[in-house]
C-alpha atoms as a PDB file:
ATOM      1  CA  UNK A   1      -2.031   9.222  13.835  1.00  0.00           C
ATOM      2  CA  UNK A   2      -0.425   7.857  16.956  1.00  0.00           C
ATOM      3  CA  UNK A   3       0.313   4.141  17.062  1.00  0.00           C
ATOM      4  CA  UNK A   4       1.326   1.997  19.997  1.00  0.00           C
ATOM      5  CA  UNK A   5       2.696  -1.481  19.441  1.00  0.00           C
ATOM      6  CA  UNK A   6       3.871  -4.276  21.678  1.00  0.00           C
ATOM      7  CA  UNK A   7       7.050  -5.637  20.078  1.00  0.00           C
ATOM      8  CA  UNK A   8       7.674  -9.347  20.265  1.00  0.00           C
ATOM      9  CA  UNK A   9      10.821 -10.684  21.875  1.00  0.00           C
ATOM     10  CA  UNK A  10      12.112 -11.813  18.455  1.00  0.00           C
ATOM     11  CA  UNK A  11      11.611  -8.347  16.977  1.00  0.00           C
ATOM     12  CA  UNK A  12      13.288  -6.664  19.936  1.00  0.00           C
ATOM     13  CA  UNK A  13      16.262  -9.027  19.884  1.00  0.00           C
ATOM     14  CA  UNK A  14      16.784  -8.587  16.131  1.00  0.00           C
ATOM     15  CA  UNK A  15      16.661  -4.814  16.480  1.00  0.00           C
ATOM     16  CA  UNK A  16      19.232  -5.012  19.297  1.00  0.00           C
ATOM     17  CA  UNK A  17      21.502  -7.392  17.405  1.00  0.00           C
ATOM     18  CA  UNK A  18      21.569  -5.290  14.250  1.00  0.00           C
ATOM     19  CA  UNK A  19      21.390  -1.914  16.019  1.00  0.00           C
ATOM     20  CA  UNK A  20      18.115  -1.079  14.289  1.00  0.00           C
ATOM     21  CA  UNK A  21      15.910   1.648  15.726  1.00  0.00           C
ATOM     22  CA  UNK A  22      12.407   0.055  15.784  1.00  0.00           C
ATOM     23  CA  UNK A  23      10.644   3.330  15.001  1.00  0.00           C
ATOM     24  CA  UNK A  24      12.890   3.952  11.974  1.00  0.00           C
ATOM     25  CA  UNK A  25      12.289   0.407  10.674  1.00  0.00           C
ATOM     26  CA  UNK A  26       8.539   0.661  11.072  1.00  0.00           C
ATOM     27  CA  UNK A  27       8.474   4.134   9.520  1.00  0.00           C
ATOM     28  CA  UNK A  28      10.364   2.842   6.477  1.00  0.00           C
ATOM     29  CA  UNK A  29       7.862  -0.013   6.186  1.00  0.00           C
ATOM     30  CA  UNK A  30       4.934   2.419   6.355  1.00  0.00           C
ATOM     31  CA  UNK A  31       6.592   4.664   3.764  1.00  0.00           C
ATOM     32  CA  UNK A  32       6.673   1.771   1.314  1.00  0.00           C
ATOM     33  CA  UNK A  33       3.020   0.707   1.538  1.00  0.00           C
ATOM     34  CA  UNK A  34       1.707   2.134  -1.733  1.00  0.00           C
ATOM     35  CA  UNK A  35      -0.711   0.789  -4.324  1.00  0.00           C
ATOM     36  CA  UNK A  36       0.474   3.299  -6.944  1.00  0.00           C
ATOM     37  CA  UNK A  37       4.078   2.171  -6.498  1.00  0.00           C
ATOM     38  CA  UNK A  38       3.047  -1.482  -6.309  1.00  0.00           C
ATOM     39  CA  UNK A  39       1.272  -1.299  -9.661  1.00  0.00           C
ATOM     40  CA  UNK A  40       3.844   0.904 -11.401  1.00  0.00           C
ATOM     41  CA  UNK A  41       6.993  -0.964 -10.292  1.00  0.00           C
ATOM     42  CA  UNK A  42       6.192  -4.633 -10.945  1.00  0.00           C
ATOM     43  CA  UNK A  43       9.754  -5.731 -10.172  1.00  0.00           C
ATOM     44  CA  UNK A  44      10.561  -3.237  -7.391  1.00  0.00           C
ATOM     45  CA  UNK A  45      11.947  -4.600  -4.133  1.00  0.00           C
ATOM     46  CA  UNK A  46       9.967  -1.953  -2.284  1.00  0.00           C
ATOM     47  CA  UNK A  47       6.755  -3.834  -3.106  1.00  0.00           C
ATOM     48  CA  UNK A  48       7.136  -6.172  -0.094  1.00  0.00           C
ATOM     49  CA  UNK A  49       5.436  -3.791   2.336  1.00  0.00           C
ATOM     50  CA  UNK A  50       2.375  -3.522   0.090  1.00  0.00           C
ATOM     51  CA  UNK A  51       2.338  -7.290  -0.418  1.00  0.00           C
ATOM     52  CA  UNK A  52       2.268  -7.728   3.353  1.00  0.00           C
ATOM     53  CA  UNK A  53      -0.533  -5.152   3.569  1.00  0.00           C
ATOM     54  CA  UNK A  54      -2.534  -7.177   1.023  1.00  0.00           C
ATOM     55  CA  UNK A  55      -1.755 -10.397   2.908  1.00  0.00           C
ATOM     56  CA  UNK A  56      -3.014  -8.751   6.097  1.00  0.00           C
ATOM     57  CA  UNK A  57      -6.234  -7.654   4.373  1.00  0.00           C
ATOM     58  CA  UNK A  58      -6.798 -11.172   3.130  1.00  0.00           C
ATOM     59  CA  UNK A  59      -6.187 -12.760   6.493  1.00  0.00           C
ATOM     60  CA  UNK A  60      -7.422 -10.198   9.019  1.00  0.00           C
ATOM     61  CA  UNK A  61      -9.376  -7.635   6.997  1.00  0.00           C
ATOM     62  CA  UNK A  62     -12.686  -6.832   8.612  1.00  0.00           C
ATOM     63  CA  UNK A  63     -15.756  -7.169   6.433  1.00  0.00           C
ATOM     64  CA  UNK A  64     -13.683  -7.805   3.302  1.00  0.00           C
ATOM     65  CA  UNK A  65     -16.489  -9.712   1.604  1.00  0.00           C
ATOM     66  CA  UNK A  66     -18.839  -6.780   2.211  1.00  0.00           C
ATOM     67  CA  UNK A  67     -16.359  -3.962   1.472  1.00  0.00           C
ATOM     68  CA  UNK A  68     -14.394  -5.406  -1.423  1.00  0.00           C
ATOM     69  CA  UNK A  69     -17.045  -4.822  -4.120  1.00  0.00           C
ATOM     70  CA  UNK A  70     -16.909  -1.079  -3.447  1.00  0.00           C
ATOM     71  CA  UNK A  71     -13.097  -1.078  -3.717  1.00  0.00           C
ATOM     72  CA  UNK A  72     -12.725  -3.271  -6.801  1.00  0.00           C
ATOM     73  CA  UNK A  73     -13.736  -0.626  -9.382  1.00  0.00           C
ATOM     74  CA  UNK A  74     -11.072   1.726  -8.019  1.00  0.00           C
ATOM     75  CA  UNK A  75      -8.430  -0.999  -7.952  1.00  0.00           C
ATOM     76  CA  UNK A  76      -9.291  -1.890 -11.540  1.00  0.00           C
ATOM     77  CA  UNK A  77      -9.199   1.772 -12.543  1.00  0.00           C
ATOM     78  CA  UNK A  78      -5.796   2.180 -10.896  1.00  0.00           C
ATOM     79  CA  UNK A  79      -4.395  -0.869 -12.663  1.00  0.00           C
ATOM     80  CA  UNK A  80      -5.758   0.358 -15.990  1.00  0.00           C
ATOM     81  CA  UNK A  81      -4.369   3.898 -15.601  1.00  0.00           C
ATOM     82  CA  UNK A  82      -0.965   2.685 -14.439  1.00  0.00           C
ATOM     83  CA  UNK A  83      -0.677   0.040 -17.146  1.00  0.00           C
ATOM     84  CA  UNK A  84      -1.597   2.602 -19.816  1.00  0.00           C
ATOM     85  CA  UNK A  85       1.339   4.756 -18.712  1.00  0.00           C
ATOM     86  CA  UNK A  86       3.650   1.753 -18.643  1.00  0.00           C
ATOM     87  CA  UNK A  87       2.807   0.783 -22.235  1.00  0.00           C
ATOM     88  CA  UNK A  88       5.346   3.408 -23.262  1.00  0.00           C
ATOM     89  CA  UNK A  89       8.030   1.630 -21.257  1.00  0.00           C
ATOM     90  CA  UNK A  90       9.438   1.451 -17.763  1.00  0.00           C
ATOM     91  CA  UNK A  91      10.800   5.006 -18.062  1.00  0.00           C
ATOM     92  CA  UNK A  92       7.198   6.146 -17.493  1.00  0.00           C
ATOM     93  CA  UNK A  93       6.993   4.487 -14.062  1.00  0.00           C
ATOM     94  CA  UNK A  94       7.053   7.825 -12.223  1.00  0.00           C
ATOM     95  CA  UNK A  95       4.172   9.136 -14.349  1.00  0.00           C
ATOM     96  CA  UNK A  96       2.313   5.867 -13.834  1.00  0.00           C
ATOM     97  CA  UNK A  97       2.751   6.128 -10.070  1.00  0.00           C
ATOM     98  CA  UNK A  98       1.501   9.748 -10.080  1.00  0.00           C
ATOM     99  CA  UNK A  99      -1.546   8.744 -12.148  1.00  0.00           C
ATOM    100  CA  UNK A 100      -2.246   5.917  -9.698  1.00  0.00           C
ATOM    101  CA  UNK A 101      -2.007   8.361  -6.812  1.00  0.00           C
ATOM    102  CA  UNK A 102      -4.735  10.509  -8.424  1.00  0.00           C
ATOM    103  CA  UNK A 103      -6.993   7.454  -8.525  1.00  0.00           C
ATOM    104  CA  UNK A 104      -6.182   6.790  -4.849  1.00  0.00           C
ATOM    105  CA  UNK A 105      -7.213  10.337  -3.876  1.00  0.00           C
ATOM    106  CA  UNK A 106     -10.521  10.002  -5.708  1.00  0.00           C
ATOM    107  CA  UNK A 107     -11.034   6.511  -4.245  1.00  0.00           C
ATOM    108  CA  UNK A 108     -10.371   7.800  -0.725  1.00  0.00           C
ATOM    109  CA  UNK A 109     -12.687  10.786  -1.170  1.00  0.00           C
ATOM    110  CA  UNK A 110     -15.578   8.692  -2.457  1.00  0.00           C
ATOM    111  CA  UNK A 111     -15.270   5.977   0.191  1.00  0.00           C
ATOM    112  CA  UNK A 112     -15.011   8.521   3.020  1.00  0.00           C
ATOM    113  CA  UNK A 113     -18.094  10.344   1.699  1.00  0.00           C
ATOM    114  CA  UNK A 114     -19.982   7.054   1.547  1.00  0.00           C
ATOM    115  CA  UNK A 115     -18.941   6.157   5.106  1.00  0.00           C
ATOM    116  CA  UNK A 116     -20.075   9.565   6.329  1.00  0.00           C
ATOM    117  CA  UNK A 117     -23.638   8.799   5.275  1.00  0.00           C
END
């Protein structure tokens, strides 16, 4: 995936001021967008990227009212699987995240098959 962005003046100035490489910052953001992590680490600071992703879906998501019903069962399944692992305590967060990732793979496969029709 190749992505081209047009940085705002504010973003560019902040990166210059703090000597932040824009590509590194954006890559770190992308690395942290994760439903499995979001569900399995309820107090993790790294959840902000996923929260912004969800905000974006709510505000700019195309056809959300049409698409959301097909996603909801998978989101519910992910929450259920992750929460089951977390019942044993926070030390199971890594297992919970891995279980959530399995749901994501199945979710992705099924939605892509449906879109291919």
